[in-house]
Amino acid sequence: MANFFASFAGYDLAVDLGSQTTRIMVRGKGLIIEEPTVIARQKKRFGKGKVVAFGQAAARMIGRQPANLEIIFPIRHGVVVDFEAAYALLDHFLEVIRDLPRRWPQLLGPRVIVGIGSEATEVERRAVKALWQQLGARQVFLVNKPLLAAIGAGLAIEETNGGFIVDLGATTTEIAVISLGGIVVGRALKLGGETADQHLLNFLRLKYGLLLGASTVRHLKEKIGSLTPQKKKEEASLVVRGRDLASGLPRSLRLRPVEIREALVPLAQEIVLAIREVLEEAPPELTPNFLEQGLFLAGGFSQLPGWPEMVSQELKMPAWRVEKPNLALVRGGLALWKNPQLLAKVKLVAGLQ
């Protein structure tokens, strides 16, 4: 009988509500949503604030939108900064999930596990939970992002051996030493993939007097960017087109990986320094485990070639990029649905009852 009623319940969701990309995995269905966390909306002085595009469709408008439209990024540094826009975007994504083929109609809302920044305030946590409750979720569990990433990476976080995880996101980097199901030492930096894009944009503007669009800079970083020399890429090059700051006219420039590295390495060194500081604060009992199993890198920004090599070289310890690092958080959420005892242990409940 219980299984009969359960068939009418909503899906179990694992959500990575990122500043740049939102990912939603559905239990039993896999990854359903992987879309930019952005909407295009009419400016209220030109209309009624109607949303005209979501996700990928809105991202294609960035830098090209007319004066009557505004591009909204409702999540920044893992925090809801525009509740109305975030609601509209997630409601659109949930509509896609509601339309998934299903034997029985859904009479109840979904259950949701959402990753939240480890340094988010009580107010910020409440905002995320309230957002999902207004979207119709019947249960909302908040879990610190480093814990989700570690679970998604396959680390046994309940054991005494612990684990060292670095989640490199678009706007935030989370560093955490984990043991016995909790964070022993952790730090959150407001640095990530978008910061790297800004460093690269500023570098090209100052060195070559060339102004590029945000999408061009991101494409350049993804195609030939790296933190250490890559044998297959060192002879590669890419032509980019932007605006010459001196003449104001269009201009082309051919760039090579070494130049991109020159722009990105200082940012990476800043992150590595923070990792070193967390390592120094970790209990000495855990240090032998780190030397044996190493440090694990997750998050979309960790896909930049050279991260494991640079971290390993600087810290004199093994460093590994987890499989499909951009999906580590949502994989961790799905794993928690299969392990209710661990979910009860890691969920954040203080002040959120």
Protein backbone atom coordinates (compact mmCIF):
# COMPACT_ATOMS: atom_id res chain seq x y z
CA MET A 1 0.00 0.00 0.00
CA ALA A 2 2.85 2.38 0.86
CA ASN A 3 4.41 1.78 -2.54
CA PHE A 4 1.07 2.51 -4.20
CA PHE A 5 0.80 5.93 -2.55
CA ALA A 6 4.50 6.60 -3.20
CA SER A 7 3.84 6.23 -6.92
CA PHE A 8 1.77 9.45 -6.78
CA ALA A 9 4.53 11.42 -5.03
CA GLY A 10 6.79 13.85 -6.83
CA TYR A 11 10.33 13.11 -7.91
CA ASP A 12 13.39 13.15 -5.67
CA LEU A 13 15.73 15.87 -6.96
CA ALA A 14 19.41 16.67 -6.42
CA VAL A 15 20.13 20.31 -7.25
CA ASP A 16 23.33 22.25 -7.89
CA LEU A 17 22.11 25.85 -7.90
CA GLY A 18 25.22 27.46 -9.35
CA SER A 19 25.88 31.08 -10.17
CA GLN A 20 26.61 30.17 -13.79
CA THR A 21 24.90 26.80 -14.33
CA THR A 22 21.98 25.02 -12.68
CA ARG A 23 22.06 21.22 -12.71
CA ILE A 24 19.20 19.00 -11.59
CA MET A 25 19.37 15.23 -11.40
CA VAL A 26 16.16 13.24 -10.93
CA ARG A 27 16.28 9.99 -9.01
CA GLY A 28 15.73 7.17 -11.47
CA LYS A 29 16.03 9.49 -14.51
CA GLY A 30 19.56 10.94 -14.33
CA LEU A 31 20.65 14.43 -15.33
CA ILE A 32 17.64 16.31 -16.70
CA ILE A 33 18.61 19.98 -16.38
CA GLU A 34 22.01 21.52 -17.14
CA GLU A 35 21.28 25.09 -18.15
CA PRO A 36 22.78 28.54 -17.52
CA THR A 37 21.39 30.21 -14.39
CA VAL A 38 20.12 33.27 -16.24
CA ILE A 39 16.91 34.81 -17.56
CA ALA A 40 16.12 37.64 -19.97
CA ARG A 41 13.36 39.90 -18.69
CA GLN A 42 11.59 43.02 -19.90
CA LYS A 43 12.58 46.12 -17.98
CA LYS A 44 9.61 47.30 -15.96
CA ARG A 45 9.65 50.77 -17.46
CA PHE A 46 9.22 49.19 -20.91
CA GLY A 47 6.65 46.57 -19.95
CA LYS A 48 5.42 44.38 -17.11
CA GLY A 49 8.72 42.68 -16.34
CA LYS A 50 7.78 39.62 -18.42
CA VAL A 51 10.43 36.92 -18.73
CA VAL A 52 11.16 36.31 -22.41
CA ALA A 53 13.93 33.68 -22.24
CA PHE A 54 15.35 31.14 -19.80
CA GLY A 55 18.66 29.33 -19.49
CA GLN A 56 20.52 28.73 -22.74
CA ALA A 57 18.17 30.94 -24.75
CA ALA A 58 18.81 33.84 -22.36
CA ALA A 59 22.57 33.19 -22.30
CA ARG A 60 22.72 33.63 -26.08
CA MET A 61 21.35 37.16 -25.60
CA ILE A 62 24.13 38.33 -23.26
CA GLY A 63 25.81 41.38 -24.73
CA ARG A 64 23.28 41.49 -27.58
CA GLN A 65 20.06 42.42 -25.78
CA PRO A 66 18.10 45.58 -26.79
CA ALA A 67 17.48 48.42 -24.36
CA ASN A 68 14.08 47.09 -23.26
CA LEU A 69 15.52 43.79 -21.96
CA GLU A 70 17.71 43.04 -18.96
CA ILE A 71 19.80 39.95 -18.31
CA ILE A 72 19.40 38.66 -14.75
CA PHE A 73 21.69 36.24 -12.91
CA PRO A 74 19.51 35.42 -9.88
CA ILE A 75 22.16 33.38 -8.02
CA ARG A 76 25.54 34.84 -7.08
CA HIS A 77 28.13 33.11 -4.89
CA GLY A 78 25.50 30.45 -4.15
CA VAL A 79 23.08 33.03 -2.73
CA VAL A 80 19.68 34.09 -4.06
CA VAL A 81 20.04 37.75 -5.06
CA ASP A 82 16.80 38.07 -7.06
CA PHE A 83 14.04 35.93 -5.58
CA GLU A 84 11.50 36.69 -8.31
CA ALA A 85 13.91 35.84 -11.14
CA ALA A 86 15.14 32.69 -9.39
CA TYR A 87 11.54 31.54 -8.89
CA ALA A 88 10.71 32.09 -12.58
CA LEU A 89 13.82 30.22 -13.74
CA LEU A 90 13.39 27.21 -11.44
CA ASP A 91 9.66 27.00 -12.13
CA HIS A 92 10.52 26.76 -15.83
CA PHE A 93 13.00 23.95 -15.12
CA LEU A 94 10.50 22.13 -12.90
CA GLU A 95 7.93 22.29 -15.69
CA VAL A 96 10.35 20.28 -17.84
CA ILE A 97 10.66 17.72 -15.04
CA ARG A 98 6.87 17.57 -14.52
CA ASP A 99 6.49 16.67 -18.20
CA LEU A 100 8.73 13.61 -17.90
CA PRO A 101 6.90 10.39 -18.81
CA ARG A 102 5.43 8.77 -15.71
CA ARG A 103 3.03 5.90 -15.11
CA TRP A 104 1.01 7.75 -12.46
CA PRO A 105 0.24 11.48 -12.16
CA GLN A 106 2.15 13.48 -9.56
CA LEU A 107 -0.13 14.59 -6.74
CA LEU A 108 2.63 15.72 -4.38
CA GLY A 109 5.55 18.07 -4.84
CA PRO A 110 9.14 16.85 -5.19
CA ARG A 111 11.65 16.23 -2.44
CA VAL A 112 14.79 18.29 -2.99
CA ILE A 113 18.41 18.15 -1.84
CA VAL A 114 20.14 21.47 -2.54
CA GLY A 115 23.81 22.33 -2.15
CA ILE A 116 24.47 25.48 -0.13
CA GLY A 117 27.72 27.34 0.50
CA SER A 118 29.42 26.34 3.74
CA GLU A 119 29.67 29.98 4.81
CA ALA A 120 26.11 30.96 3.88
CA THR A 121 24.33 32.88 6.63
CA GLU A 122 21.11 31.75 8.30
CA VAL A 123 19.17 34.34 6.27
CA GLU A 124 20.69 33.08 3.01
CA ARG A 125 19.86 29.48 3.90
CA ARG A 126 16.28 30.43 4.73
CA ALA A 127 15.96 32.21 1.37
CA VAL A 128 16.99 29.08 -0.55
CA LYS A 129 14.64 26.88 1.45
CA ALA A 130 11.74 29.35 1.09
CA LEU A 131 12.35 29.52 -2.66
CA TRP A 132 11.91 25.76 -3.08
CA GLN A 133 8.95 25.64 -0.73
CA GLN A 134 7.16 28.28 -2.81
CA LEU A 135 7.95 26.18 -5.89
CA GLY A 136 5.92 23.37 -4.32
CA ALA A 137 8.63 21.13 -2.84
CA ARG A 138 7.21 19.03 -0.02
CA GLN A 139 10.61 18.52 1.60
CA VAL A 140 13.81 20.58 1.24
CA PHE A 141 17.17 19.44 2.59
CA LEU A 142 20.14 21.80 2.55
CA VAL A 143 23.61 20.24 2.54
CA ASN A 144 26.97 22.01 2.49
CA LYS A 145 28.44 21.96 -1.02
CA PRO A 146 31.84 20.50 -0.01
CA LEU A 147 30.10 17.53 1.61
CA LEU A 148 27.97 16.92 -1.48
CA ALA A 149 31.01 17.21 -3.74
CA ALA A 150 32.96 14.76 -1.55
CA ILE A 151 30.09 12.25 -1.60
CA GLY A 152 29.76 12.67 -5.37
CA ALA A 153 33.52 12.07 -5.69
CA GLY A 154 33.12 8.75 -3.92
CA LEU A 155 34.89 9.71 -0.67
CA ALA A 156 33.89 7.81 2.46
CA ILE A 157 33.13 10.94 4.47
CA GLU A 158 31.88 9.03 7.54
CA GLU A 159 35.24 7.36 8.14
CA THR A 160 38.02 8.69 10.37
CA ASN A 161 40.45 8.81 7.44
CA GLY A 162 38.71 11.93 6.21
CA GLY A 163 39.03 13.51 2.83
CA PHE A 164 40.34 16.71 1.28
CA ILE A 165 38.01 18.25 -1.32
CA VAL A 166 38.23 21.47 -3.34
CA ASP A 167 35.08 22.48 -5.22
CA LEU A 168 36.02 25.00 -7.91
CA GLY A 169 32.83 26.71 -9.04
CA ALA A 170 32.03 29.68 -11.24
CA THR A 171 32.10 32.36 -8.52
CA THR A 172 33.07 30.46 -5.36
CA THR A 173 35.78 27.99 -4.40
CA GLU A 174 35.03 25.75 -1.40
CA ILE A 175 37.96 24.06 0.36
CA ALA A 176 37.20 21.49 3.06
CA VAL A 177 38.86 18.85 5.20
CA ILE A 178 36.16 16.27 5.98
CA SER A 179 36.07 13.56 8.64
CA LEU A 180 33.31 11.62 10.44
CA GLY A 181 30.60 13.14 8.25
CA GLY A 182 31.45 16.78 8.96
CA ILE A 183 33.77 19.62 7.92
CA VAL A 184 36.81 19.78 10.20
CA VAL A 185 38.44 22.79 8.55
CA GLY A 186 37.03 24.76 5.66
CA ARG A 187 37.23 27.97 3.72
CA ALA A 188 35.20 29.64 0.98
CA LEU A 189 36.76 32.03 -1.52
CA LYS A 190 34.85 34.34 -3.83
CA LEU A 191 37.02 33.20 -6.71
CA GLY A 192 36.22 30.83 -9.55
CA GLY A 193 35.73 30.38 -13.26
CA GLU A 194 34.11 33.79 -13.78
CA THR A 195 37.01 35.43 -11.93
CA ALA A 196 39.37 33.69 -14.35
CA ASP A 197 37.38 35.09 -17.27
CA GLN A 198 37.69 38.60 -15.81
CA HIS A 199 41.45 38.17 -15.27
CA LEU A 200 41.85 37.08 -18.88
CA LEU A 201 39.71 39.94 -20.17
CA ASN A 202 41.75 42.50 -18.19
CA PHE A 203 45.04 40.92 -19.29
CA LEU A 204 44.17 41.21 -22.99
CA ARG A 205 42.88 44.74 -22.53
CA LEU A 206 46.06 45.93 -20.79
CA LYS A 207 48.62 43.99 -22.87
CA TYR A 208 47.07 44.25 -26.33
CA GLY A 209 44.51 47.05 -26.01
CA LEU A 210 41.80 44.65 -27.15
CA LEU A 211 38.34 44.45 -25.58
CA LEU A 212 36.54 41.12 -25.92
CA GLY A 213 33.02 40.01 -25.07
CA ALA A 214 32.39 37.70 -22.12
CA SER A 215 31.40 34.73 -24.30
CA THR A 216 34.53 35.15 -26.45
CA VAL A 217 36.76 35.17 -23.37
CA ARG A 218 35.10 32.03 -22.00
CA HIS A 219 35.50 30.27 -25.38
CA LEU A 220 39.17 31.25 -25.46
CA LYS A 221 39.76 29.86 -21.96
CA GLU A 222 37.99 26.60 -22.75
CA LYS A 223 39.74 26.01 -26.08
CA ILE A 224 43.40 26.80 -25.33
CA GLY A 225 43.50 27.72 -21.63
CA SER A 226 45.67 25.78 -19.17
CA LEU A 227 47.67 26.21 -15.96
CA THR A 228 50.62 24.03 -16.97
CA PRO A 229 52.07 23.26 -20.42
CA GLN A 230 49.97 20.69 -22.30
CA LYS A 231 51.82 18.73 -24.98
CA LYS A 232 48.84 18.51 -27.31
CA LYS A 233 47.93 22.18 -26.97
CA GLU A 234 51.23 24.07 -26.93
CA GLU A 235 51.34 24.52 -30.71
CA ALA A 236 47.67 25.47 -30.90
CA SER A 237 46.42 29.00 -31.36
CA LEU A 238 43.12 30.78 -31.66
CA VAL A 239 42.10 33.93 -33.47
CA VAL A 240 39.77 36.21 -31.50
CA ARG A 241 37.99 39.32 -32.65
CA GLY A 242 37.16 42.30 -30.51
CA ARG A 243 37.33 46.07 -30.37
CA ASP A 244 40.61 47.96 -30.49
CA LEU A 245 40.59 50.39 -27.55
CA ALA A 246 42.79 52.93 -29.34
CA SER A 247 40.86 53.20 -32.62
CA GLY A 248 37.46 51.85 -31.57
CA LEU A 249 37.45 49.65 -34.67
CA PRO A 250 37.17 45.84 -34.95
CA ARG A 251 40.46 43.97 -34.68
CA SER A 252 41.68 40.37 -34.81
CA LEU A 253 44.39 38.84 -32.65
CA ARG A 254 45.98 35.37 -32.65
CA LEU A 255 46.66 34.02 -29.16
CA ARG A 256 48.59 30.99 -27.92
CA PRO A 257 48.23 28.89 -24.75
CA VAL A 258 51.29 30.44 -23.08
CA GLU A 259 49.61 33.86 -23.13
CA ILE A 260 46.41 32.52 -21.61
CA ARG A 261 48.48 30.82 -18.92
CA GLU A 262 50.19 34.11 -18.12
CA ALA A 263 46.78 35.58 -17.29
CA LEU A 264 45.35 32.64 -15.34
CA VAL A 265 48.25 31.35 -13.24
CA PRO A 266 48.24 34.24 -10.69
CA LEU A 267 44.59 33.50 -9.83
CA ALA A 268 45.29 29.77 -9.53
CA GLN A 269 48.25 30.49 -7.24
CA GLU A 270 45.96 32.51 -4.98
CA ILE A 271 43.61 29.53 -4.69
CA VAL A 272 46.50 27.13 -4.09
CA LEU A 273 47.75 29.41 -1.28
CA ALA A 274 44.33 29.15 0.40
CA ILE A 275 44.44 25.35 0.01
CA ARG A 276 47.87 25.35 1.68
CA GLU A 277 46.52 27.41 4.59
CA VAL A 278 43.62 24.99 5.11
CA LEU A 279 46.06 22.08 4.98
CA GLU A 280 48.20 23.75 7.66
CA GLU A 281 45.15 24.17 9.90
CA ALA A 282 44.06 20.53 9.54
CA PRO A 283 44.67 18.17 12.49
CA PRO A 284 48.06 16.44 12.13
CA GLU A 285 46.34 13.05 12.60
CA LEU A 286 44.76 13.48 9.16
CA THR A 287 47.93 14.54 7.33
CA PRO A 288 49.17 11.00 6.58
CA ASN A 289 45.83 10.20 4.97
CA PHE A 290 46.11 13.23 2.69
CA LEU A 291 49.60 12.20 1.62
CA GLU A 292 48.29 8.72 0.81
CA GLN A 293 44.97 9.42 -0.91
CA GLY A 294 45.62 12.99 -2.04
CA LEU A 295 43.39 15.98 -2.66
CA PHE A 296 40.30 15.81 -4.88
CA LEU A 297 39.21 18.55 -7.27
CA ALA A 298 35.55 18.98 -8.27
CA GLY A 299 33.45 21.70 -9.88
CA GLY A 300 33.29 23.11 -13.39
CA PHE A 301 36.40 25.32 -13.05
CA SER A 302 38.51 22.26 -12.16
CA GLN A 303 38.09 21.13 -15.79
CA LEU A 304 40.70 23.73 -16.81
CA PRO A 305 43.73 21.64 -17.85
CA GLY A 306 46.66 21.69 -15.45
CA TRP A 307 44.87 21.97 -12.12
CA PRO A 308 45.96 18.58 -10.69
CA GLU A 309 49.54 19.04 -11.87
CA MET A 310 49.82 22.55 -10.42
CA VAL A 311 48.30 21.62 -7.05
CA SER A 312 50.45 18.50 -6.79
CA GLN A 313 53.61 20.43 -7.63
CA GLU A 314 52.91 23.27 -5.19
CA LEU A 315 51.72 21.15 -2.24
CA LYS A 316 53.95 18.08 -2.75
CA MET A 317 51.00 15.69 -2.51
CA PRO A 318 48.80 13.81 -4.99
CA ALA A 319 45.91 15.73 -6.55
CA TRP A 320 43.11 14.19 -8.59
CA ARG A 321 40.32 15.59 -10.72
CA VAL A 322 37.18 13.59 -10.00
CA GLU A 323 35.23 11.95 -12.83
CA LYS A 324 32.90 14.49 -14.48
CA PRO A 325 33.76 17.13 -11.87
CA ASN A 326 30.93 19.46 -12.92
CA LEU A 327 28.41 16.80 -11.83
CA ALA A 328 29.97 15.94 -8.46
CA LEU A 329 27.41 17.91 -6.40
CA VAL A 330 24.32 16.43 -8.01
CA ARG A 331 25.82 12.93 -7.94
CA GLY A 332 26.33 13.47 -4.21
CA GLY A 333 22.69 14.46 -3.84
CA LEU A 334 21.48 11.32 -5.60
CA ALA A 335 23.76 9.21 -3.39
CA LEU A 336 22.16 10.77 -0.30
CA TRP A 337 18.66 9.76 -1.47
CA LYS A 338 19.92 6.18 -1.39
CA ASN A 339 21.41 6.62 2.10
CA PRO A 340 18.80 8.21 4.45
CA GLN A 341 21.02 7.69 7.51
CA LEU A 342 23.83 9.74 5.99
CA LEU A 343 21.35 12.39 4.80
CA ALA A 344 20.05 12.76 8.35
CA LYS A 345 23.62 13.27 9.52
CA VAL A 346 24.78 15.86 6.97
CA LYS A 347 21.63 17.96 6.40
CA LEU A 348 21.53 21.45 7.85
CA VAL A 349 18.64 21.80 10.30
CA ALA A 350 19.58 24.57 12.73
CA GLY A 351 17.00 27.33 12.49
CA LEU A 352 15.35 25.69 9.47
CA GLN A 353 12.73 23.52 11.12
